Amino acid sequence: MFGQIAAANALSDVYAMGGKPITVMNIVAFPINTLDKSILADILAGAAEKVRESGASLVGGHSIDDKEPKFGLSVTGTVHPNRIRANAGAKPGDRLILTKPIGVGILTTAIKRELLVQEDIDKVTEVMATLNKNAAEVMDDYNVHACTDVTGFGLLGHAMEMAEGSQVGMTIHYENVHVLSRTKELAEQKVVPGGTKKNHAWLADRVEYSSNLDELDQLILCDAITSGGLLVSVPENEAEKLLQQLQENHVDARIIGDVTSENPGFIKVI
């Protein structure tokens, strides 16, 4: 699963920009004298499985002996210059679609603290290991104004980047955001990663939260994610059709908000 998640995370950047992954190189750091080589073999096998699913070709890699295991991929893809999706370009009146649930950072922190049962672990790892391939390919038939993958800066952090880059405001409807089960419960137990807290503090002056949302809800929206979904800004008249087609293609997508002309570079959560 570690290899699968690392691969999905690396491939996601190409999908977010409207590209098709072509080649992949493994980058490995591993304590070859202290950990069993079978662990490394399993990591590489997991990654290779996701690379095959993407349709890309594994063309080699680089490895070093290191006391802490690290693994990632360098991905090269292609995209037509006129079809590049950037994290800027959202327009007032657009709807915002998110293609995966959030809460991943909180749940993976809970895994480290041995607070999750196997069913919860299986669910969050499945979310992280799911490629954004289906979502990206469905979006090819639509007029996507802006797109980004949601990772370390959390949903609101990446939405803020899009709002600032596009010089627009955004309204997020919290009740429409799919949050993984047990996320709020774990946050109440103070199972919140440091990156999530930093995201929340960084956004404090640029996000207006509804009085109905407590600090835990705010932290969940800022949760630092590994291998999250795509945040997409599309014209209002295409949003429902895109949403339906995404869901028909087994993408757990939701319409979560709107792009506005008011308060550029500012997000309102209601």
C-alpha atoms as a PDB file:
ATOM      1  CA  MET A   1       0.000   0.000   0.000  1.00  0.00           C
ATOM      2  CA  PHE A   2       2.897   2.366   0.714  1.00  0.00           C
ATOM      3  CA  GLY A   3       4.132   1.894  -2.848  1.00  0.00           C
ATOM      4  CA  GLN A   4       0.663   2.263  -4.331  1.00  0.00           C
ATOM      5  CA  ILE A   5      -0.026   5.481  -2.417  1.00  0.00           C
ATOM      6  CA  ALA A   6       3.345   6.987  -3.308  1.00  0.00           C
ATOM      7  CA  ALA A   7       2.734   6.226  -6.974  1.00  0.00           C
ATOM      8  CA  ALA A   8      -0.810   7.620  -6.961  1.00  0.00           C
ATOM      9  CA  ASN A   9       0.447  10.776  -5.252  1.00  0.00           C
ATOM     10  CA  ALA A  10       3.218  11.319  -7.803  1.00  0.00           C
ATOM     11  CA  LEU A  11       1.011  10.590 -10.822  1.00  0.00           C
ATOM     12  CA  SER A  12      -1.623  12.996  -9.528  1.00  0.00           C
ATOM     13  CA  ASP A  13       0.309  16.125 -10.525  1.00  0.00           C
ATOM     14  CA  VAL A  14       0.224  15.105 -14.184  1.00  0.00           C
ATOM     15  CA  TYR A  15      -3.495  14.312 -14.025  1.00  0.00           C
ATOM     16  CA  ALA A  16      -4.217  17.650 -12.326  1.00  0.00           C
ATOM     17  CA  MET A  17      -2.656  19.507 -15.260  1.00  0.00           C
ATOM     18  CA  GLY A  18      -4.644  17.586 -17.866  1.00  0.00           C
ATOM     19  CA  GLY A  19      -1.710  15.416 -18.862  1.00  0.00           C
ATOM     20  CA  LYS A  20      -1.254  11.739 -19.639  1.00  0.00           C
ATOM     21  CA  PRO A  21       1.573   9.987 -17.732  1.00  0.00           C
ATOM     22  CA  ILE A  22       4.099   8.481 -20.140  1.00  0.00           C
ATOM     23  CA  THR A  23       7.207   7.454 -18.195  1.00  0.00           C
ATOM     24  CA  VAL A  24       8.019   6.900 -14.534  1.00  0.00           C
ATOM     25  CA  MET A  25      11.291   6.525 -12.629  1.00  0.00           C
ATOM     26  CA  ASN A  26      11.471   5.166  -9.082  1.00  0.00           C
ATOM     27  CA  ILE A  27      13.384   7.125  -6.446  1.00  0.00           C
ATOM     28  CA  VAL A  28      14.288   4.994  -3.421  1.00  0.00           C
ATOM     29  CA  ALA A  29      16.090   5.514  -0.126  1.00  0.00           C
ATOM     30  CA  PHE A  30      16.250   2.338   1.953  1.00  0.00           C
ATOM     31  CA  PRO A  31      18.257   0.944   4.915  1.00  0.00           C
ATOM     32  CA  ILE A  32      19.305  -2.167   3.056  1.00  0.00           C
ATOM     33  CA  ASN A  33      21.317  -3.576   6.007  1.00  0.00           C
ATOM     34  CA  THR A  34      18.631  -3.151   8.681  1.00  0.00           C
ATOM     35  CA  LEU A  35      15.286  -3.797   6.954  1.00  0.00           C
ATOM     36  CA  ASP A  36      14.351  -6.955   5.095  1.00  0.00           C
ATOM     37  CA  LYS A  37      14.742  -6.625   1.336  1.00  0.00           C
ATOM     38  CA  SER A  38      11.255  -8.090   0.919  1.00  0.00           C
ATOM     39  CA  ILE A  39       9.811  -4.837   2.277  1.00  0.00           C
ATOM     40  CA  LEU A  40      11.471  -2.896  -0.526  1.00  0.00           C
ATOM     41  CA  ALA A  41      10.282  -5.491  -3.030  1.00  0.00           C
ATOM     42  CA  ASP A  42       6.696  -5.056  -1.800  1.00  0.00           C
ATOM     43  CA  ILE A  43       6.917  -1.243  -2.056  1.00  0.00           C
ATOM     44  CA  LEU A  44       8.209  -1.457  -5.618  1.00  0.00           C
ATOM     45  CA  ALA A  45       5.556  -4.031  -6.537  1.00  0.00           C
ATOM     46  CA  GLY A  46       2.784  -1.786  -5.201  1.00  0.00           C
ATOM     47  CA  ALA A  47       4.082   1.182  -7.162  1.00  0.00           C
ATOM     48  CA  ALA A  48       4.444  -0.878 -10.323  1.00  0.00           C
ATOM     49  CA  GLU A  49       0.811  -1.953 -10.028  1.00  0.00           C
ATOM     50  CA  LYS A  50      -0.358   1.677 -10.046  1.00  0.00           C
ATOM     51  CA  VAL A  51       2.024   2.624 -12.849  1.00  0.00           C
ATOM     52  CA  ARG A  52       0.540  -0.170 -14.987  1.00  0.00           C
ATOM     53  CA  GLU A  53      -2.960   1.057 -14.120  1.00  0.00           C
ATOM     54  CA  SER A  54      -1.999   4.552 -15.294  1.00  0.00           C
ATOM     55  CA  GLY A  55      -0.753   3.231 -18.627  1.00  0.00           C
ATOM     56  CA  ALA A  56       2.720   4.709 -18.100  1.00  0.00           C
ATOM     57  CA  SER A  57       6.005   2.818 -18.499  1.00  0.00           C
ATOM     58  CA  LEU A  58       8.547   2.279 -15.731  1.00  0.00           C
ATOM     59  CA  VAL A  59      11.900   3.187 -17.260  1.00  0.00           C
ATOM     60  CA  GLY A  60      14.285   2.788 -14.346  1.00  0.00           C
ATOM     61  CA  GLY A  61      15.134   4.595 -11.162  1.00  0.00           C
ATOM     62  CA  HIS A  62      17.670   5.685  -8.586  1.00  0.00           C
ATOM     63  CA  SER A  63      18.398   4.210  -5.151  1.00  0.00           C
ATOM     64  CA  ILE A  64      20.564   5.100  -2.163  1.00  0.00           C
ATOM     65  CA  ASP A  65      21.270   3.418   1.161  1.00  0.00           C
ATOM     66  CA  ASP A  66      19.651   5.567   3.853  1.00  0.00           C
ATOM     67  CA  LYS A  67      18.660   4.922   7.469  1.00  0.00           C
ATOM     68  CA  GLU A  68      15.072   6.097   6.832  1.00  0.00           C
ATOM     69  CA  PRO A  69      12.942   4.529   4.072  1.00  0.00           C
ATOM     70  CA  LYS A  70      11.759   7.004   1.452  1.00  0.00           C
ATOM     71  CA  PHE A  71      10.049   6.325  -1.839  1.00  0.00           C
ATOM     72  CA  GLY A  72       8.629   8.409  -4.659  1.00  0.00           C
ATOM     73  CA  LEU A  73       8.425   8.643  -8.417  1.00  0.00           C
ATOM     74  CA  SER A  74       9.536  11.113 -11.053  1.00  0.00           C
ATOM     75  CA  VAL A  75       6.716  11.222 -13.617  1.00  0.00           C
ATOM     76  CA  THR A  76       6.816  12.618 -17.139  1.00  0.00           C
ATOM     77  CA  GLY A  77       3.606  13.215 -19.052  1.00  0.00           C
ATOM     78  CA  THR A  78       2.324  14.943 -22.159  1.00  0.00           C
ATOM     79  CA  VAL A  79      -0.452  17.464 -22.692  1.00  0.00           C
ATOM     80  CA  HIS A  80      -1.489  19.655 -25.605  1.00  0.00           C
ATOM     81  CA  PRO A  81      -0.371  23.258 -24.896  1.00  0.00           C
ATOM     82  CA  ASN A  82      -3.921  24.508 -25.365  1.00  0.00           C
ATOM     83  CA  ARG A  83      -5.318  21.933 -22.915  1.00  0.00           C
ATOM     84  CA  ILE A  84      -3.097  22.548 -19.895  1.00  0.00           C
ATOM     85  CA  ARG A  85      -5.074  22.858 -16.673  1.00  0.00           C
ATOM     86  CA  ALA A  86      -3.528  25.287 -14.221  1.00  0.00           C
ATOM     87  CA  ASN A  87      -4.489  26.092 -10.636  1.00  0.00           C
ATOM     88  CA  ALA A  88      -5.490  29.540 -11.894  1.00  0.00           C
ATOM     89  CA  GLY A  89      -8.207  30.556 -14.323  1.00  0.00           C
ATOM     90  CA  ALA A  90     -11.351  30.008 -12.248  1.00  0.00           C
ATOM     91  CA  LYS A  91     -14.125  32.418 -13.243  1.00  0.00           C
ATOM     92  CA  PRO A  92     -16.992  34.001 -11.275  1.00  0.00           C
ATOM     93  CA  GLY A  93     -20.071  31.826 -11.594  1.00  0.00           C
ATOM     94  CA  ASP A  94     -18.083  28.572 -11.791  1.00  0.00           C
ATOM     95  CA  ARG A  95     -18.978  25.627  -9.575  1.00  0.00           C
ATOM     96  CA  LEU A  96     -16.302  23.816  -7.565  1.00  0.00           C
ATOM     97  CA  ILE A  97     -16.115  20.022  -7.685  1.00  0.00           C
ATOM     98  CA  LEU A  98     -13.984  17.847  -5.376  1.00  0.00           C
ATOM     99  CA  THR A  99     -13.288  14.258  -6.460  1.00  0.00           C
ATOM    100  CA  LYS A 100     -12.201  12.579  -3.194  1.00  0.00           C
ATOM    101  CA  PRO A 101     -13.183  12.839   0.477  1.00  0.00           C
ATOM    102  CA  ILE A 102     -11.043  14.705   3.007  1.00  0.00           C
ATOM    103  CA  GLY A 103      -9.860  13.789   6.513  1.00  0.00           C
ATOM    104  CA  VAL A 104      -6.947  11.664   5.294  1.00  0.00           C
ATOM    105  CA  GLY A 105      -4.291  13.416   7.390  1.00  0.00           C
ATOM    106  CA  ILE A 106      -6.236  12.980  10.606  1.00  0.00           C
ATOM    107  CA  LEU A 107      -6.938   9.307   9.904  1.00  0.00           C
ATOM    108  CA  THR A 108      -3.343   8.496   8.955  1.00  0.00           C
ATOM    109  CA  THR A 109      -2.184  10.178  12.167  1.00  0.00           C
ATOM    110  CA  ALA A 110      -4.632   7.912  13.983  1.00  0.00           C
ATOM    111  CA  ILE A 111      -3.043   4.892  12.250  1.00  0.00           C
ATOM    112  CA  LYS A 112       0.355   5.904  13.678  1.00  0.00           C
ATOM    113  CA  ARG A 113      -1.232   6.055  17.136  1.00  0.00           C
ATOM    114  CA  GLU A 114      -2.925   2.668  16.623  1.00  0.00           C
ATOM    115  CA  LEU A 115      -6.419   4.137  17.047  1.00  0.00           C
ATOM    116  CA  LEU A 116      -8.070   2.697  13.920  1.00  0.00           C
ATOM    117  CA  VAL A 117      -9.641  -0.693  13.294  1.00  0.00           C
ATOM    118  CA  GLN A 118      -8.757  -2.513  10.079  1.00  0.00           C
ATOM    119  CA  GLU A 119     -11.937  -1.386   8.305  1.00  0.00           C
ATOM    120  CA  ASP A 120     -11.002   2.283   8.826  1.00  0.00           C
ATOM    121  CA  ILE A 121      -7.426   1.631   7.718  1.00  0.00           C
ATOM    122  CA  ASP A 122      -8.605  -0.126   4.565  1.00  0.00           C
ATOM    123  CA  LYS A 123     -10.916   2.764   3.674  1.00  0.00           C
ATOM    124  CA  VAL A 124      -8.375   5.571   4.035  1.00  0.00           C
ATOM    125  CA  THR A 125      -5.634   3.628   2.228  1.00  0.00           C
ATOM    126  CA  GLU A 126      -8.051   2.888  -0.606  1.00  0.00           C
ATOM    127  CA  VAL A 127      -8.796   6.610  -0.934  1.00  0.00           C
ATOM    128  CA  MET A 128      -5.083   7.481  -1.061  1.00  0.00           C
ATOM    129  CA  ALA A 129      -4.209   4.699  -3.504  1.00  0.00           C
ATOM    130  CA  THR A 130      -6.991   5.579  -5.950  1.00  0.00           C
ATOM    131  CA  LEU A 131      -5.598   7.235  -9.072  1.00  0.00           C
ATOM    132  CA  ASN A 132      -7.078  10.517 -10.287  1.00  0.00           C
ATOM    133  CA  LYS A 133      -6.997   8.937 -13.764  1.00  0.00           C
ATOM    134  CA  ASN A 134     -10.756   8.402 -14.171  1.00  0.00           C
ATOM    135  CA  ALA A 135     -11.548  11.921 -13.001  1.00  0.00           C
ATOM    136  CA  ALA A 136      -8.944  13.485 -15.283  1.00  0.00           C
ATOM    137  CA  GLU A 137     -10.104  11.557 -18.336  1.00  0.00           C
ATOM    138  CA  VAL A 138     -13.777  12.409 -17.780  1.00  0.00           C
ATOM    139  CA  MET A 139     -12.851  16.096 -17.457  1.00  0.00           C
ATOM    140  CA  ASP A 140     -11.256  16.065 -20.921  1.00  0.00           C
ATOM    141  CA  ASP A 141     -14.688  16.573 -22.467  1.00  0.00           C
ATOM    142  CA  TYR A 142     -15.474  19.663 -20.381  1.00  0.00           C
ATOM    143  CA  ASN A 143     -14.386  23.295 -20.287  1.00  0.00           C
ATOM    144  CA  VAL A 144     -12.288  23.127 -17.123  1.00  0.00           C
ATOM    145  CA  HIS A 145     -11.236  26.626 -16.097  1.00  0.00           C
ATOM    146  CA  ALA A 146      -8.891  25.581 -13.255  1.00  0.00           C
ATOM    147  CA  CYS A 147      -7.786  22.390 -11.557  1.00  0.00           C
ATOM    148  CA  THR A 148      -5.424  21.353  -8.771  1.00  0.00           C
ATOM    149  CA  ASP A 149      -4.849  18.238  -6.702  1.00  0.00           C
ATOM    150  CA  VAL A 150      -5.517  18.558  -2.977  1.00  0.00           C
ATOM    151  CA  THR A 151      -2.488  17.480  -0.951  1.00  0.00           C
ATOM    152  CA  GLY A 152      -0.361  18.971   1.818  1.00  0.00           C
ATOM    153  CA  PHE A 153      -2.009  22.399   2.038  1.00  0.00           C
ATOM    154  CA  GLY A 154      -5.424  20.819   2.586  1.00  0.00           C
ATOM    155  CA  LEU A 155      -8.684  21.600   0.814  1.00  0.00           C
ATOM    156  CA  LEU A 156      -8.795  25.246   1.863  1.00  0.00           C
ATOM    157  CA  GLY A 157      -5.089  25.809   1.276  1.00  0.00           C
ATOM    158  CA  HIS A 158      -5.255  24.597  -2.323  1.00  0.00           C
ATOM    159  CA  ALA A 159      -8.568  26.411  -2.852  1.00  0.00           C
ATOM    160  CA  MET A 160      -6.855  29.578  -1.625  1.00  0.00           C
ATOM    161  CA  GLU A 161      -4.042  29.126  -4.141  1.00  0.00           C
ATOM    162  CA  MET A 162      -6.655  28.823  -6.872  1.00  0.00           C
ATOM    163  CA  ALA A 163      -8.589  31.858  -5.622  1.00  0.00           C
ATOM    164  CA  GLU A 164      -5.458  34.027  -5.423  1.00  0.00           C
ATOM    165  CA  GLY A 165      -4.134  32.861  -8.793  1.00  0.00           C
ATOM    166  CA  SER A 166      -7.497  33.475 -10.433  1.00  0.00           C
ATOM    167  CA  GLN A 167      -8.227  36.738  -8.591  1.00  0.00           C
ATOM    168  CA  VAL A 168     -11.629  35.458  -7.476  1.00  0.00           C
ATOM    169  CA  GLY A 169     -13.434  34.697  -4.247  1.00  0.00           C
ATOM    170  CA  MET A 170     -14.888  31.346  -3.262  1.00  0.00           C
ATOM    171  CA  THR A 171     -17.770  30.058  -1.168  1.00  0.00           C
ATOM    172  CA  ILE A 172     -17.460  26.520   0.209  1.00  0.00           C
ATOM    173  CA  HIS A 173     -20.551  24.681   1.491  1.00  0.00           C
ATOM    174  CA  TYR A 174     -19.219  22.540   4.330  1.00  0.00           C
ATOM    175  CA  GLU A 175     -22.219  20.206   4.363  1.00  0.00           C
ATOM    176  CA  ASN A 176     -21.447  19.261   0.747  1.00  0.00           C
ATOM    177  CA  VAL A 177     -17.827  18.311   1.475  1.00  0.00           C
ATOM    178  CA  HIS A 178     -17.414  14.546   1.880  1.00  0.00           C
ATOM    179  CA  VAL A 179     -15.491  13.933   5.101  1.00  0.00           C
ATOM    180  CA  LEU A 180     -14.272  10.429   5.911  1.00  0.00           C
ATOM    181  CA  SER A 181     -16.094   8.751   8.789  1.00  0.00           C
ATOM    182  CA  ARG A 182     -14.515   9.101  12.259  1.00  0.00           C
ATOM    183  CA  THR A 183     -12.583  12.241  11.216  1.00  0.00           C
ATOM    184  CA  LYS A 184     -14.472  14.569  13.582  1.00  0.00           C
ATOM    185  CA  GLU A 185     -14.401  12.013  16.397  1.00  0.00           C
ATOM    186  CA  LEU A 186     -10.617  11.673  16.107  1.00  0.00           C
ATOM    187  CA  ALA A 187     -10.145  15.444  15.886  1.00  0.00           C
ATOM    188  CA  GLU A 188     -12.067  15.719  19.159  1.00  0.00           C
ATOM    189  CA  GLN A 189      -9.421  13.403  20.637  1.00  0.00           C
ATOM    190  CA  LYS A 190      -6.750  15.861  19.425  1.00  0.00           C
ATOM    191  CA  VAL A 191      -5.557  13.479  16.713  1.00  0.00           C
ATOM    192  CA  VAL A 192      -4.572  16.275  14.337  1.00  0.00           C
ATOM    193  CA  PRO A 193      -1.262  16.385  12.403  1.00  0.00           C
ATOM    194  CA  GLY A 194       1.046  19.366  12.780  1.00  0.00           C
ATOM    195  CA  GLY A 195       0.735  20.243   9.097  1.00  0.00           C
ATOM    196  CA  THR A 196      -3.028  20.604   9.482  1.00  0.00           C
ATOM    197  CA  LYS A 197      -2.594  23.047  12.362  1.00  0.00           C
ATOM    198  CA  LYS A 198      -0.069  25.065  10.347  1.00  0.00           C
ATOM    199  CA  ASN A 199      -2.473  25.231   7.399  1.00  0.00           C
ATOM    200  CA  HIS A 200      -5.246  26.477   9.677  1.00  0.00           C
ATOM    201  CA  ALA A 201      -3.026  29.189  11.156  1.00  0.00           C
ATOM    202  CA  TRP A 202      -1.763  30.249   7.700  1.00  0.00           C
ATOM    203  CA  LEU A 203      -5.324  30.729   6.434  1.00  0.00           C
ATOM    204  CA  ALA A 204      -6.707  32.438   9.538  1.00  0.00           C
ATOM    205  CA  ASP A 205      -6.904  35.927   8.005  1.00  0.00           C
ATOM    206  CA  ARG A 206      -8.146  34.809   4.593  1.00  0.00           C
ATOM    207  CA  VAL A 207     -11.030  32.486   5.426  1.00  0.00           C
ATOM    208  CA  GLU A 208     -14.349  33.473   7.004  1.00  0.00           C
ATOM    209  CA  TYR A 209     -16.005  30.512   8.712  1.00  0.00           C
ATOM    210  CA  SER A 210     -19.697  30.265   9.524  1.00  0.00           C
ATOM    211  CA  SER A 211     -20.478  30.580  13.227  1.00  0.00           C
ATOM    212  CA  ASN A 212     -21.945  27.074  12.965  1.00  0.00           C
ATOM    213  CA  LEU A 213     -18.475  25.614  12.412  1.00  0.00           C
ATOM    214  CA  ASP A 214     -16.273  24.980  15.426  1.00  0.00           C
ATOM    215  CA  GLU A 215     -12.470  24.889  15.353  1.00  0.00           C
ATOM    216  CA  LEU A 216     -12.456  21.147  14.689  1.00  0.00           C
ATOM    217  CA  ASP A 217     -14.546  21.628  11.537  1.00  0.00           C
ATOM    218  CA  GLN A 218     -12.100  24.321  10.465  1.00  0.00           C
ATOM    219  CA  LEU A 219      -9.127  22.019  11.052  1.00  0.00           C
ATOM    220  CA  ILE A 220     -10.781  19.266   8.992  1.00  0.00           C
ATOM    221  CA  LEU A 221     -11.135  21.657   6.046  1.00  0.00           C
ATOM    222  CA  CYS A 222      -7.427  22.490   6.406  1.00  0.00           C
ATOM    223  CA  ASP A 223      -6.326  18.879   6.908  1.00  0.00           C
ATOM    224  CA  ALA A 224      -2.995  18.060   5.268  1.00  0.00           C
ATOM    225  CA  ILE A 225      -3.702  15.288   2.771  1.00  0.00           C
ATOM    226  CA  THR A 226      -1.609  12.644   1.036  1.00  0.00           C
ATOM    227  CA  SER A 227      -2.806  11.739  -2.485  1.00  0.00           C
ATOM    228  CA  GLY A 228      -6.080  13.661  -2.376  1.00  0.00           C
ATOM    229  CA  GLY A 229      -8.612  14.335  -5.086  1.00  0.00           C
ATOM    230  CA  LEU A 230      -8.875  17.010  -7.739  1.00  0.00           C
ATOM    231  CA  LEU A 231     -10.458  20.400  -7.029  1.00  0.00           C
ATOM    232  CA  VAL A 232     -12.037  21.550 -10.276  1.00  0.00           C
ATOM    233  CA  SER A 233     -13.571  24.871 -11.333  1.00  0.00           C
ATOM    234  CA  VAL A 234     -16.062  24.478 -14.194  1.00  0.00           C
ATOM    235  CA  PRO A 235     -18.816  26.625 -15.737  1.00  0.00           C
ATOM    236  CA  GLU A 236     -22.126  26.380 -13.917  1.00  0.00           C
ATOM    237  CA  ASN A 237     -23.915  25.054 -16.985  1.00  0.00           C
ATOM    238  CA  GLU A 238     -21.520  22.080 -17.189  1.00  0.00           C
ATOM    239  CA  ALA A 239     -21.151  21.243 -13.498  1.00  0.00           C
ATOM    240  CA  GLU A 240     -24.117  18.907 -12.975  1.00  0.00           C
ATOM    241  CA  LYS A 241     -23.418  16.929 -16.143  1.00  0.00           C
ATOM    242  CA  LEU A 242     -19.720  16.599 -15.211  1.00  0.00           C
ATOM    243  CA  LEU A 243     -20.640  15.523 -11.695  1.00  0.00           C
ATOM    244  CA  GLN A 244     -22.994  12.859 -13.018  1.00  0.00           C
ATOM    245  CA  GLN A 245     -20.415  11.503 -15.446  1.00  0.00           C
ATOM    246  CA  LEU A 246     -17.718  11.448 -12.749  1.00  0.00           C
ATOM    247  CA  GLN A 247     -19.968   9.451 -10.450  1.00  0.00           C
ATOM    248  CA  GLU A 248     -20.903   7.073 -13.266  1.00  0.00           C
ATOM    249  CA  ASN A 249     -17.160   6.441 -13.669  1.00  0.00           C
ATOM    250  CA  HIS A 250     -16.774   5.517  -9.988  1.00  0.00           C
ATOM    251  CA  VAL A 251     -15.361   8.869  -8.887  1.00  0.00           C
ATOM    252  CA  ASP A 252     -16.582   9.974  -5.436  1.00  0.00           C
ATOM    253  CA  ALA A 253     -17.177  13.542  -6.587  1.00  0.00           C
ATOM    254  CA  ARG A 254     -19.284  16.294  -4.986  1.00  0.00           C
ATOM    255  CA  ILE A 255     -20.105  19.899  -5.890  1.00  0.00           C
ATOM    256  CA  ILE A 256     -18.782  21.741  -2.858  1.00  0.00           C
ATOM    257  CA  GLY A 257     -18.936  25.442  -3.683  1.00  0.00           C
ATOM    258  CA  ASP A 258     -18.966  28.404  -6.028  1.00  0.00           C
ATOM    259  CA  VAL A 259     -16.580  30.949  -7.488  1.00  0.00           C
ATOM    260  CA  THR A 260     -17.504  34.608  -6.906  1.00  0.00           C
ATOM    261  CA  SER A 261     -16.285  38.008  -8.056  1.00  0.00           C
ATOM    262  CA  GLU A 262     -16.486  39.427  -4.526  1.00  0.00           C
ATOM    263  CA  ASN A 263     -13.429  39.495  -2.211  1.00  0.00           C
ATOM    264  CA  PRO A 264     -10.747  38.132  -4.539  1.00  0.00           C
ATOM    265  CA  GLY A 265      -8.294  35.854  -2.758  1.00  0.00           C
ATOM    266  CA  PHE A 266     -10.737  35.244   0.085  1.00  0.00           C
ATOM    267  CA  ILE A 267     -12.784  32.156   0.983  1.00  0.00           C
ATOM    268  CA  LYS A 268     -16.108  32.027   2.813  1.00  0.00           C
ATOM    269  CA  VAL A 269     -17.199  28.729   4.377  1.00  0.00           C
ATOM    270  CA  ILE A 270     -20.898  28.374   5.142  1.00  0.00           C
END
